[in-house]
Amino acid sequence: MSAPALLGVAAATLALALPIIGAAAALDAAERAAGAADAAALAAADAALGWIDSDPCAIAETVTSAVDVHLESCDVNLESGQVRISVSVQTMFGRVTERAHAAPSVA
């Protein structure tokens, strides 16, 4: 195989691989953000209900920062124990935002 043909094949392979790698990284960031939002909402709800001796939003911040996710908002209703969390992660394609909420079960 000649050098120009080999160079062309290498360039085509690289041109096809970079978007796939970028999309995979964005998907990974979205999954990480969703997991962090769920875990932070559950931890904050536990704190709101008194199961954990901490401020609900402070514990949510601790959970999200442990996995390199930014806590965008934390809304807590101390009377009902409901918590709404919004988190984000920066990717090469932009910012991925995920939301979660937790509340005590109504039995």
Protein backbone atom coordinates (compact mmCIF):
# COMPACT_ATOMS: atom_id res chain seq x y z
CA MET A 1 0.00 0.00 0.00
CA SER A 2 1.37 3.42 -0.91
CA ALA A 3 2.06 6.11 1.66
CA PRO A 4 -0.66 8.52 0.40
CA ALA A 5 -3.28 5.76 0.48
CA LEU A 6 -2.21 4.74 3.98
CA LEU A 7 -2.35 8.37 5.10
CA GLY A 8 -5.85 8.71 3.61
CA VAL A 9 -7.10 5.60 5.42
CA ALA A 10 -5.60 6.84 8.70
CA ALA A 11 -7.23 10.26 8.27
CA ALA A 12 -10.63 8.70 7.47
CA THR A 13 -10.38 6.43 10.51
CA LEU A 14 -9.55 9.38 12.73
CA ALA A 15 -12.39 11.47 11.27
CA LEU A 16 -14.86 8.69 12.05
CA ALA A 17 -13.47 7.84 15.50
CA LEU A 18 -13.44 11.32 17.05
CA PRO A 19 -17.23 11.93 16.97
CA ILE A 20 -17.85 8.44 18.33
CA ILE A 21 -15.42 9.00 21.20
CA GLY A 22 -17.01 12.40 21.94
CA ALA A 23 -20.52 10.95 21.94
CA ALA A 24 -19.42 8.13 24.25
CA ALA A 25 -17.89 10.66 26.64
CA ALA A 26 -21.13 12.69 26.67
CA LEU A 27 -23.18 9.56 27.36
CA ASP A 28 -20.85 8.63 30.21
CA ALA A 29 -21.18 12.14 31.67
CA ALA A 30 -24.99 11.97 31.45
CA GLU A 31 -25.05 8.62 33.27
CA ARG A 32 -22.66 9.91 35.95
CA ALA A 33 -24.80 13.03 36.43
CA ALA A 34 -28.02 11.00 36.67
CA GLY A 35 -26.50 8.69 39.28
CA ALA A 36 -25.15 11.61 41.27
CA ALA A 37 -28.52 13.40 41.17
CA ASP A 38 -30.32 10.28 42.41
CA ALA A 39 -27.82 9.67 45.22
CA ALA A 40 -27.80 13.33 46.27
CA ALA A 41 -31.60 13.49 46.33
CA LEU A 42 -31.83 10.38 48.49
CA ALA A 43 -29.14 11.61 50.89
CA ALA A 44 -30.76 15.04 51.15
CA ALA A 45 -34.18 13.48 51.78
CA ASP A 46 -32.69 11.35 54.56
CA ALA A 47 -31.23 14.51 56.11
CA ALA A 48 -34.55 16.36 55.73
CA LEU A 49 -36.34 13.53 57.55
CA GLY A 50 -33.74 13.47 60.34
CA TRP A 51 -32.10 10.16 59.45
CA ILE A 52 -28.78 11.95 58.87
CA ASP A 53 -27.64 14.75 61.16
CA SER A 54 -26.71 17.26 58.44
CA ASP A 55 -28.12 20.06 56.35
CA PRO A 56 -29.89 18.44 53.36
CA CYS A 57 -28.25 20.65 50.73
CA ALA A 58 -24.83 20.34 52.36
CA ILE A 59 -25.02 16.54 52.20
CA ALA A 60 -26.22 16.77 48.58
CA GLU A 61 -23.19 18.95 47.77
CA THR A 62 -20.89 16.41 49.43
CA VAL A 63 -22.36 13.56 47.39
CA THR A 64 -22.15 15.37 44.06
CA SER A 65 -18.66 16.73 44.60
CA ALA A 66 -17.42 13.22 45.41
CA VAL A 67 -18.10 12.22 41.79
CA ASP A 68 -17.03 15.54 40.17
CA VAL A 69 -20.57 16.73 39.44
CA HIS A 70 -21.73 20.32 40.03
CA LEU A 71 -24.84 20.81 42.21
CA GLU A 72 -26.97 23.38 40.35
CA SER A 73 -29.92 23.59 42.75
CA CYS A 74 -31.26 21.96 45.89
CA ASP A 75 -34.86 22.58 46.94
CA VAL A 76 -35.98 21.05 50.24
CA ASN A 77 -39.42 20.97 51.83
CA LEU A 78 -38.68 20.16 55.48
CA GLU A 79 -42.35 19.59 56.33
CA SER A 80 -42.88 16.82 53.78
CA GLY A 81 -39.29 15.62 53.34
CA GLN A 82 -39.40 16.18 49.58
CA VAL A 83 -36.16 17.14 47.85
CA ARG A 84 -35.50 18.27 44.28
CA ILE A 85 -31.94 18.24 42.97
CA SER A 86 -30.44 19.53 39.73
CA VAL A 87 -26.83 18.72 38.77
CA SER A 88 -24.62 19.34 35.75
CA VAL A 89 -21.42 18.07 34.16
CA GLN A 90 -19.34 19.85 31.53
CA THR A 91 -18.50 17.79 28.41
CA MET A 92 -16.74 18.63 25.17
CA PHE A 93 -20.16 19.13 23.54
CA GLY A 94 -21.56 21.36 26.28
CA ARG A 95 -23.14 20.99 29.69
CA VAL A 96 -25.26 17.96 30.61
CA THR A 97 -27.95 18.62 33.23
CA GLU A 98 -29.87 15.96 35.16
CA ARG A 99 -32.60 16.24 37.78
CA ALA A 100 -33.91 13.96 40.52
CA HIS A 101 -36.32 14.15 43.39
CA ALA A 102 -36.93 12.06 46.48
CA ALA A 103 -39.76 11.97 48.97
CA PRO A 104 -40.95 9.63 51.71
CA SER A 105 -43.32 6.92 50.59
CA VAL A 106 -46.99 7.40 51.34
CA ALA A 107 -48.22 4.21 52.95
